Amino acid sequence: MSTHAQKNRQLGQGMTEYIIIVALIAIAAIAVYQYFGSTVRNQTAAIAQELAGNDGTAAKTKAQTDATAGAAKAATKETLDTYTNNKAE
């Protein structure tokens, strides 16, 4: 194999690795956004309202309410039975 072909192969490998890393970061960002759900969406809405010169208090309050509810849910111990709502009575 010529030196030029080896160099092209290495450049292609580097680009592929870069694309994989970017894809993993994107997937992680989507997962975090989904996990924190409405809290993040409401905080984003509050920021957008404030940047537009409007009052973002309602969205900020909703984000705080959702965050409190999320903290309470996170403190609840979950098992496979409670996760699938098949808890034996």
PDB file of N, CA and C in Angstrom:
ATOM      1  N   MET A   1       0.855  -1.170   0.000  1.00  0.00           N
ATOM      2  CA  MET A   1       0.000   0.000   0.000  1.00  0.00           C
ATOM      3  C   MET A   1       0.898   1.229   0.000  1.00  0.00           C
ATOM      4  N   SER A   2       0.554   2.211  -0.797  1.00  0.00           N
ATOM      5  CA  SER A   2       1.383   3.405  -0.906  1.00  0.00           C
ATOM      6  C   SER A   2       1.196   4.298   0.319  1.00  0.00           C
ATOM      7  N   THR A   3       2.158   5.191   0.490  1.00  0.00           N
ATOM      8  CA  THR A   3       2.119   6.113   1.626  1.00  0.00           C
ATOM      9  C   THR A   3       0.912   7.040   1.526  1.00  0.00           C
ATOM     10  N   HIS A   4       0.568   7.431   0.307  1.00  0.00           N
ATOM     11  CA  HIS A   4      -0.585   8.323   0.103  1.00  0.00           C
ATOM     12  C   HIS A   4      -1.889   7.628   0.502  1.00  0.00           C
ATOM     13  N   ALA A   5      -2.032   6.364   0.160  1.00  0.00           N
ATOM     14  CA  ALA A   5      -3.245   5.615   0.507  1.00  0.00           C
ATOM     15  C   ALA A   5      -3.345   5.423   2.021  1.00  0.00           C
ATOM     16  N   GLN A   6      -2.204   5.167   2.675  1.00  0.00           N
ATOM     17  CA  GLN A   6      -2.214   5.015   4.129  1.00  0.00           C
ATOM     18  C   GLN A   6      -2.635   6.316   4.810  1.00  0.00           C
ATOM     19  N   LYS A   7      -2.137   7.435   4.299  1.00  0.00           N
ATOM     20  CA  LYS A   7      -2.472   8.729   4.886  1.00  0.00           C
ATOM     21  C   LYS A   7      -3.970   9.006   4.737  1.00  0.00           C
ATOM     22  N   ASN A   8      -4.549   8.709   3.577  1.00  0.00           N
ATOM     23  CA  ASN A   8      -5.986   8.902   3.364  1.00  0.00           C
ATOM     24  C   ASN A   8      -6.802   8.012   4.295  1.00  0.00           C
ATOM     25  N   ARG A   9      -6.346   6.779   4.510  1.00  0.00           N
ATOM     26  CA  ARG A   9      -7.054   5.856   5.398  1.00  0.00           C
ATOM     27  C   ARG A   9      -7.035   6.387   6.831  1.00  0.00           C
ATOM     28  N   GLN A  10      -5.874   6.922   7.270  1.00  0.00           N
ATOM     29  CA  GLN A  10      -5.771   7.459   8.621  1.00  0.00           C
ATOM     30  C   GLN A  10      -6.658   8.688   8.795  1.00  0.00           C
ATOM     31  N   LEU A  11      -6.724   9.550   7.782  1.00  0.00           N
ATOM     32  CA  LEU A  11      -7.591  10.719   7.852  1.00  0.00           C
ATOM     33  C   LEU A  11      -9.054  10.292   7.927  1.00  0.00           C
ATOM     34  N   GLY A  12      -9.430   9.291   7.170  1.00  0.00           N
ATOM     35  CA  GLY A  12     -10.797   8.772   7.211  1.00  0.00           C
ATOM     36  C   GLY A  12     -11.129   8.180   8.558  1.00  0.00           C
ATOM     37  N   GLN A  13     -10.175   7.491   9.166  1.00  0.00           N
ATOM     38  CA  GLN A  13     -10.392   6.903  10.486  1.00  0.00           C
ATOM     39  C   GLN A  13     -10.586   8.005  11.521  1.00  0.00           C
ATOM     40  N   GLY A  14      -9.783   9.042  11.445  1.00  0.00           N
ATOM     41  CA  GLY A  14      -9.905  10.164  12.380  1.00  0.00           C
ATOM     42  C   GLY A  14     -11.260  10.844  12.259  1.00  0.00           C
ATOM     43  N   MET A  15     -11.739  11.020  11.034  1.00  0.00           N
ATOM     44  CA  MET A  15     -13.040  11.648  10.804  1.00  0.00           C
ATOM     45  C   MET A  15     -14.163  10.762  11.345  1.00  0.00           C
ATOM     46  N   THR A  16     -14.038   9.461  11.158  1.00  0.00           N
ATOM     47  CA  THR A  16     -15.049   8.526  11.657  1.00  0.00           C
ATOM     48  C   THR A  16     -15.105   8.575  13.180  1.00  0.00           C
ATOM     49  N   GLU A  17     -13.950   8.606  13.825  1.00  0.00           N
ATOM     50  CA  GLU A  17     -13.915   8.688  15.282  1.00  0.00           C
ATOM     51  C   GLU A  17     -14.547   9.994  15.762  1.00  0.00           C
ATOM     52  N   TYR A  18     -14.281  11.067  15.068  1.00  0.00           N
ATOM     53  CA  TYR A  18     -14.846  12.367  15.418  1.00  0.00           C
ATOM     54  C   TYR A  18     -16.372  12.325  15.303  1.00  0.00           C
ATOM     55  N   ILE A  19     -16.887  11.748  14.231  1.00  0.00           N
ATOM     56  CA  ILE A  19     -18.337  11.647  14.030  1.00  0.00           C
ATOM     57  C   ILE A  19     -18.970  10.806  15.134  1.00  0.00           C
ATOM     58  N   ILE A  20     -18.334   9.725  15.526  1.00  0.00           N
ATOM     59  CA  ILE A  20     -18.856   8.872  16.600  1.00  0.00           C
ATOM     60  C   ILE A  20     -18.907   9.641  17.912  1.00  0.00           C
ATOM     61  N   ILE A  21     -17.861  10.393  18.224  1.00  0.00           N
ATOM     62  CA  ILE A  21     -17.832  11.170  19.459  1.00  0.00           C
ATOM     63  C   ILE A  21     -18.934  12.228  19.459  1.00  0.00           C
ATOM     64  N   VAL A  22     -19.098  12.924  18.343  1.00  0.00           N
ATOM     65  CA  VAL A  22     -20.149  13.944  18.246  1.00  0.00           C
ATOM     66  C   VAL A  22     -21.525  13.304  18.398  1.00  0.00           C
ATOM     67  N   ALA A  23     -21.723  12.143  17.794  1.00  0.00           N
ATOM     68  CA  ALA A  23     -23.005  11.446  17.916  1.00  0.00           C
ATOM     69  C   ALA A  23     -23.276  11.040  19.361  1.00  0.00           C
ATOM     70  N   LEU A  24     -22.264  10.535  20.059  1.00  0.00           N
ATOM     71  CA  LEU A  24     -22.442  10.148  21.468  1.00  0.00           C
ATOM     72  C   LEU A  24     -22.771  11.349  22.346  1.00  0.00           C
ATOM     73  N   ILE A  25     -22.135  12.478  22.080  1.00  0.00           N
ATOM     74  CA  ILE A  25     -22.432  13.697  22.837  1.00  0.00           C
ATOM     75  C   ILE A  25     -23.870  14.135  22.572  1.00  0.00           C
ATOM     76  N   ALA A  26     -24.293  14.062  21.316  1.00  0.00           N
ATOM     77  CA  ALA A  26     -25.670  14.436  20.972  1.00  0.00           C
ATOM     78  C   ALA A  26     -26.671  13.518  21.659  1.00  0.00           C
ATOM     79  N   ILE A  27     -26.409  12.231  21.664  1.00  0.00           N
ATOM     80  CA  ILE A  27     -27.307  11.271  22.318  1.00  0.00           C
ATOM     81  C   ILE A  27     -27.364  11.539  23.821  1.00  0.00           C
ATOM     82  N   ALA A  28     -26.216  11.824  24.417  1.00  0.00           N
ATOM     83  CA  ALA A  28     -26.183  12.120  25.854  1.00  0.00           C
ATOM     84  C   ALA A  28     -26.977  13.391  26.156  1.00  0.00           C
ATOM     85  N   ALA A  29     -26.837  14.408  25.313  1.00  0.00           N
ATOM     86  CA  ALA A  29     -27.579  15.654  25.523  1.00  0.00           C
ATOM     87  C   ALA A  29     -29.081  15.416  25.413  1.00  0.00           C
ATOM     88  N   ILE A  30     -29.497  14.632  24.446  1.00  0.00           N
ATOM     89  CA  ILE A  30     -30.920  14.311  24.288  1.00  0.00           C
ATOM     90  C   ILE A  30     -31.424  13.538  25.494  1.00  0.00           C
ATOM     91  N   ALA A  31     -30.633  12.582  25.979  1.00  0.00           N
ATOM     92  CA  ALA A  31     -31.036  11.789  27.141  1.00  0.00           C
ATOM     93  C   ALA A  31     -31.187  12.672  28.378  1.00  0.00           C
ATOM     94  N   VAL A  32     -30.258  13.587  28.595  1.00  0.00           N
ATOM     95  CA  VAL A  32     -30.341  14.490  29.745  1.00  0.00           C
ATOM     96  C   VAL A  32     -31.570  15.375  29.618  1.00  0.00           C
ATOM     97  N   TYR A  33     -31.811  15.880  28.436  1.00  0.00           N
ATOM     98  CA  TYR A  33     -32.969  16.747  28.203  1.00  0.00           C
ATOM     99  C   TYR A  33     -34.264  15.979  28.466  1.00  0.00           C
ATOM    100  N   GLN A  34     -34.328  14.735  28.041  1.00  0.00           N
ATOM    101  CA  GLN A  34     -35.515  13.914  28.287  1.00  0.00           C
ATOM    102  C   GLN A  34     -35.645  13.568  29.771  1.00  0.00           C
ATOM    103  N   TYR A  35     -34.530  13.261  30.421  1.00  0.00           N
ATOM    104  CA  TYR A  35     -34.556  12.850  31.824  1.00  0.00           C
ATOM    105  C   TYR A  35     -35.071  13.972  32.719  1.00  0.00           C
ATOM    106  N   PHE A  36     -34.580  15.179  32.471  1.00  0.00           N
ATOM    107  CA  PHE A  36     -34.999  16.305  33.294  1.00  0.00           C
ATOM    108  C   PHE A  36     -36.270  16.955  32.772  1.00  0.00           C
ATOM    109  N   GLY A  37     -36.717  16.525  31.614  1.00  0.00           N
ATOM    110  CA  GLY A  37     -38.008  16.849  31.038  1.00  0.00           C
ATOM    111  C   GLY A  37     -38.496  18.266  31.179  1.00  0.00           C
ATOM    112  N   SER A  38     -39.633  18.376  31.835  1.00  0.00           N
ATOM    113  CA  SER A  38     -40.331  19.656  31.868  1.00  0.00           C
ATOM    114  C   SER A  38     -39.568  20.731  32.635  1.00  0.00           C
ATOM    115  N   THR A  39     -38.736  20.351  33.579  1.00  0.00           N
ATOM    116  CA  THR A  39     -37.953  21.354  34.307  1.00  0.00           C
ATOM    117  C   THR A  39     -37.053  22.120  33.344  1.00  0.00           C
ATOM    118  N   VAL A  40     -36.325  21.394  32.517  1.00  0.00           N
ATOM    119  CA  VAL A  40     -35.426  22.034  31.556  1.00  0.00           C
ATOM    120  C   VAL A  40     -36.212  22.823  30.515  1.00  0.00           C
ATOM    121  N   ARG A  41     -37.321  22.241  30.034  1.00  0.00           N
ATOM    122  CA  ARG A  41     -38.132  22.948  29.039  1.00  0.00           C
ATOM    123  C   ARG A  41     -38.674  24.257  29.603  1.00  0.00           C
ATOM    124  N   ASN A  42     -39.134  24.234  30.848  1.00  0.00           N
ATOM    125  CA  ASN A  42     -39.667  25.454  31.448  1.00  0.00           C
ATOM    126  C   ASN A  42     -38.575  26.477  31.743  1.00  0.00           C
ATOM    127  N   GLN A  43     -37.403  26.011  32.148  1.00  0.00           N
ATOM    128  CA  GLN A  43     -36.295  26.947  32.351  1.00  0.00           C
ATOM    129  C   GLN A  43     -35.881  27.579  31.030  1.00  0.00           C
ATOM    130  N   THR A  44     -35.852  26.758  29.975  1.00  0.00           N
ATOM    131  CA  THR A  44     -35.525  27.276  28.650  1.00  0.00           C
ATOM    132  C   THR A  44     -36.570  28.286  28.205  1.00  0.00           C
ATOM    133  N   ALA A  45     -37.844  27.991  28.473  1.00  0.00           N
ATOM    134  CA  ALA A  45     -38.914  28.924  28.112  1.00  0.00           C
ATOM    135  C   ALA A  45     -38.778  30.236  28.878  1.00  0.00           C
ATOM    136  N   ALA A  46     -38.422  30.148  30.164  1.00  0.00           N
ATOM    137  CA  ALA A  46     -38.244  31.368  30.964  1.00  0.00           C
ATOM    138  C   ALA A  46     -37.103  32.216  30.409  1.00  0.00           C
ATOM    139  N   ILE A  47     -36.013  31.570  30.041  1.00  0.00           N
ATOM    140  CA  ILE A  47     -34.876  32.298  29.471  1.00  0.00           C
ATOM    141  C   ILE A  47     -35.271  32.949  28.156  1.00  0.00           C
ATOM    142  N   ALA A  48     -35.982  32.198  27.313  1.00  0.00           N
ATOM    143  CA  ALA A  48     -36.412  32.737  26.021  1.00  0.00           C
ATOM    144  C   ALA A  48     -37.344  33.933  26.210  1.00  0.00           C
ATOM    145  N   GLN A  49     -38.263  33.845  27.173  1.00  0.00           N
ATOM    146  CA  GLN A  49     -39.172  34.962  27.439  1.00  0.00           C
ATOM    147  C   GLN A  49     -38.404  36.200  27.908  1.00  0.00           C
ATOM    148  N   GLU A  50     -37.454  35.992  28.794  1.00  0.00           N
ATOM    149  CA  GLU A  50     -36.664  37.118  29.301  1.00  0.00           C
ATOM    150  C   GLU A  50     -35.820  37.745  28.202  1.00  0.00           C
ATOM    151  N   LEU A  51     -35.236  36.900  27.335  1.00  0.00           N
ATOM    152  CA  LEU A  51     -34.434  37.432  26.233  1.00  0.00           C
ATOM    153  C   LEU A  51     -35.285  38.223  25.247  1.00  0.00           C
ATOM    154  N   ALA A  52     -36.559  37.832  25.128  1.00  0.00           N
ATOM    155  CA  ALA A  52     -37.472  38.529  24.226  1.00  0.00           C
ATOM    156  C   ALA A  52     -38.030  39.799  24.867  1.00  0.00           C
ATOM    157  N   GLY A  53     -37.681  40.063  26.115  1.00  0.00           N
ATOM    158  CA  GLY A  53     -38.145  41.258  26.794  1.00  0.00           C
ATOM    159  C   GLY A  53     -39.471  41.071  27.505  1.00  0.00           C
ATOM    160  N   ASN A  54     -39.927  39.843  27.609  1.00  0.00           N
ATOM    161  CA  ASN A  54     -41.186  39.538  28.285  1.00  0.00           C
ATOM    162  C   ASN A  54     -40.926  39.045  29.698  1.00  0.00           C
ATOM    163  N   ASP A  55     -42.002  38.835  30.439  1.00  0.00           N
ATOM    164  CA  ASP A  55     -41.892  38.328  31.811  1.00  0.00           C
ATOM    165  C   ASP A  55     -41.858  36.805  31.781  1.00  0.00           C
ATOM    166  N   GLY A  56     -40.799  36.204  32.292  1.00  0.00           N
ATOM    167  CA  GLY A  56     -40.657  34.750  32.309  1.00  0.00           C
ATOM    168  C   GLY A  56     -40.977  34.133  33.655  1.00  0.00           C
ATOM    169  N   THR A  57     -41.672  34.879  34.517  1.00  0.00           N
ATOM    170  CA  THR A  57     -41.956  34.405  35.870  1.00  0.00           C
ATOM    171  C   THR A  57     -42.805  33.135  35.876  1.00  0.00           C
ATOM    172  N   ALA A  58     -43.824  33.072  35.022  1.00  0.00           N
ATOM    173  CA  ALA A  58     -44.715  31.902  35.006  1.00  0.00           C
ATOM    174  C   ALA A  58     -43.934  30.638  34.655  1.00  0.00           C
ATOM    175  N   ALA A  59     -43.090  30.714  33.643  1.00  0.00           N
ATOM    176  CA  ALA A  59     -42.298  29.549  33.240  1.00  0.00           C
ATOM    177  C   ALA A  59     -41.295  29.184  34.324  1.00  0.00           C
ATOM    178  N   LYS A  60     -40.729  30.189  34.986  1.00  0.00           N
ATOM    179  CA  LYS A  60     -39.770  29.930  36.067  1.00  0.00           C
ATOM    180  C   LYS A  60     -40.461  29.243  37.244  1.00  0.00           C
ATOM    181  N   THR A  61     -41.657  29.699  37.586  1.00  0.00           N
ATOM    182  CA  THR A  61     -42.414  29.081  38.673  1.00  0.00           C
ATOM    183  C   THR A  61     -42.763  27.642  38.344  1.00  0.00           C
ATOM    184  N   LYS A  62     -43.180  27.394  37.102  1.00  0.00           N
ATOM    185  CA  LYS A  62     -43.507  26.030  36.662  1.00  0.00           C
ATOM    186  C   LYS A  62     -42.264  25.146  36.738  1.00  0.00           C
ATOM    187  N   ALA A  63     -41.097  25.669  36.358  1.00  0.00           N
ATOM    188  CA  ALA A  63     -39.850  24.905  36.436  1.00  0.00           C
ATOM    189  C   ALA A  63     -39.532  24.543  37.885  1.00  0.00           C
ATOM    190  N   GLN A  64     -39.743  25.481  38.802  1.00  0.00           N
ATOM    191  CA  GLN A  64     -39.492  25.202  40.218  1.00  0.00           C
ATOM    192  C   GLN A  64     -40.449  24.133  40.741  1.00  0.00           C
ATOM    193  N   THR A  65     -41.719  24.208  40.336  1.00  0.00           N
ATOM    194  CA  THR A  65     -42.705  23.203  40.753  1.00  0.00           C
ATOM    195  C   THR A  65     -42.325  21.828  40.231  1.00  0.00           C
ATOM    196  N   ASP A  66     -41.938  21.765  38.949  1.00  0.00           N
ATOM    197  CA  ASP A  66     -41.544  20.490  38.349  1.00  0.00           C
ATOM    198  C   ASP A  66     -40.279  19.934  38.999  1.00  0.00           C
ATOM    199  N   ALA A  67     -39.349  20.816  39.347  1.00  0.00           N
ATOM    200  CA  ALA A  67     -38.117  20.367  39.988  1.00  0.00           C
ATOM    201  C   ALA A  67     -38.406  19.777  41.368  1.00  0.00           C
ATOM    202  N   THR A  68     -39.322  20.399  42.109  1.00  0.00           N
ATOM    203  CA  THR A  68     -39.701  19.884  43.429  1.00  0.00           C
ATOM    204  C   THR A  68     -40.368  18.520  43.297  1.00  0.00           C
ATOM    205  N   ALA A  69     -41.270  18.400  42.315  1.00  0.00           N
ATOM    206  CA  ALA A  69     -41.947  17.113  42.089  1.00  0.00           C
ATOM    207  C   ALA A  69     -40.938  16.050  41.662  1.00  0.00           C
ATOM    208  N   GLY A  70     -39.987  16.437  40.837  1.00  0.00           N
ATOM    209  CA  GLY A  70     -38.956  15.497  40.395  1.00  0.00           C
ATOM    210  C   GLY A  70     -38.072  15.033  41.536  1.00  0.00           C
ATOM    211  N   ALA A  71     -37.751  15.945  42.461  1.00  0.00           N
ATOM    212  CA  ALA A  71     -36.930  15.579  43.617  1.00  0.00           C
ATOM    213  C   ALA A  71     -37.671  14.600  44.514  1.00  0.00           C
ATOM    214  N   ALA A  72     -38.979  14.817  44.685  1.00  0.00           N
ATOM    215  CA  ALA A  72     -39.776  13.906  45.500  1.00  0.00           C
ATOM    216  C   ALA A  72     -39.850  12.528  44.847  1.00  0.00           C
ATOM    217  N   LYS A  73     -40.012  12.508  43.544  1.00  0.00           N
ATOM    218  CA  LYS A  73     -40.073  11.231  42.831  1.00  0.00           C
ATOM    219  C   LYS A  73     -38.723  10.520  42.880  1.00  0.00           C
ATOM    220  N   ALA A  74     -37.648  11.273  42.792  1.00  0.00           N
ATOM    221  CA  ALA A  74     -36.314  10.675  42.833  1.00  0.00           C
ATOM    222  C   ALA A  74     -36.021  10.055  44.196  1.00  0.00           C
ATOM    223  N   ALA A  75     -36.632  10.592  45.239  1.00  0.00           N
ATOM    224  CA  ALA A  75     -36.403  10.073  46.583  1.00  0.00           C
ATOM    225  C   ALA A  75     -37.194   8.788  46.842  1.00  0.00           C
ATOM    226  N   THR A  76     -38.150   8.475  45.980  1.00  0.00           N
ATOM    227  CA  THR A  76     -38.966   7.276  46.137  1.00  0.00           C
ATOM    228  C   THR A  76     -38.204   6.069  45.608  1.00  0.00           C
ATOM    229  N   LYS A  77     -38.126   5.039  46.435  1.00  0.00           N
ATOM    230  CA  LYS A  77     -37.431   3.826  46.010  1.00  0.00           C
ATOM    231  C   LYS A  77     -38.277   3.090  44.976  1.00  0.00           C
ATOM    232  N   GLU A  78     -37.676   2.774  43.858  1.00  0.00           N
ATOM    233  CA  GLU A  78     -38.365   2.077  42.776  1.00  0.00           C
ATOM    234  C   GLU A  78     -37.782   0.675  42.618  1.00  0.00           C
ATOM    235  N   THR A  79     -38.643  -0.267  42.363  1.00  0.00           N
ATOM    236  CA  THR A  79     -38.221  -1.618  42.024  1.00  0.00           C
ATOM    237  C   THR A  79     -38.857  -1.951  40.686  1.00  0.00           C
ATOM    238  N   LEU A  80     -38.579  -3.109  40.155  1.00  0.00           N
ATOM    239  CA  LEU A  80     -39.211  -3.487  38.903  1.00  0.00           C
ATOM    240  C   LEU A  80     -40.721  -3.601  39.055  1.00  0.00           C
ATOM    241  N   ASP A  81     -41.175  -4.022  40.240  1.00  0.00           N
ATOM    242  CA  ASP A  81     -42.618  -4.128  40.475  1.00  0.00           C
ATOM    243  C   ASP A  81     -43.291  -2.742  40.416  1.00  0.00           C
ATOM    244  N   THR A  82     -42.702  -1.767  41.091  1.00  0.00           N
ATOM    245  CA  THR A  82     -43.317  -0.450  41.092  1.00  0.00           C
ATOM    246  C   THR A  82     -43.104   0.271  39.762  1.00  0.00           C
ATOM    247  N   TYR A  83     -42.041  -0.052  39.080  1.00  0.00           N
ATOM    248  CA  TYR A  83     -41.762   0.590  37.792  1.00  0.00           C
ATOM    249  C   TYR A  83     -42.807   0.195  36.752  1.00  0.00           C
ATOM    250  N   THR A  84     -43.204  -1.050  36.772  1.00  0.00           N
ATOM    251  CA  THR A  84     -44.176  -1.522  35.787  1.00  0.00           C
ATOM    252  C   THR A  84     -45.600  -1.521  36.329  1.00  0.00           C
ATOM    253  N   ASN A  85     -45.781  -0.991  37.539  1.00  0.00           N
ATOM    254  CA  ASN A  85     -47.104  -0.931  38.191  1.00  0.00           C
ATOM    255  C   ASN A  85     -47.720  -2.318  38.370  1.00  0.00           C
ATOM    256  N   ASN A  86     -46.903  -3.327  38.630  1.00  0.00           N
ATOM    257  CA  ASN A  86     -47.375  -4.681  38.847  1.00  0.00           C
ATOM    258  C   ASN A  86     -47.136  -5.136  40.278  1.00  0.00           C
ATOM    259  N   LYS A  87     -47.124  -4.207  41.178  1.00  0.00           N
ATOM    260  CA  LYS A  87     -46.836  -4.528  42.573  1.00  0.00           C
ATOM    261  C   LYS A  87     -47.907  -5.466  43.132  1.00  0.00           C
ATOM    262  N   ALA A  88     -47.458  -6.533  43.784  1.00  0.00           N
ATOM    263  CA  ALA A  88     -48.396  -7.494  44.369  1.00  0.00           C
ATOM    264  C   ALA A  88     -49.099  -6.855  45.563  1.00  0.00           C
ATOM    265  N   GLU A  89     -50.365  -7.080  45.663  1.00  0.00           N
ATOM    266  CA  GLU A  89     -51.166  -6.496  46.757  1.00  0.00           C
ATOM    267  C   GLU A  89     -51.144  -7.408  47.948  1.00  0.00           C
TER     268      GLU A  89
END
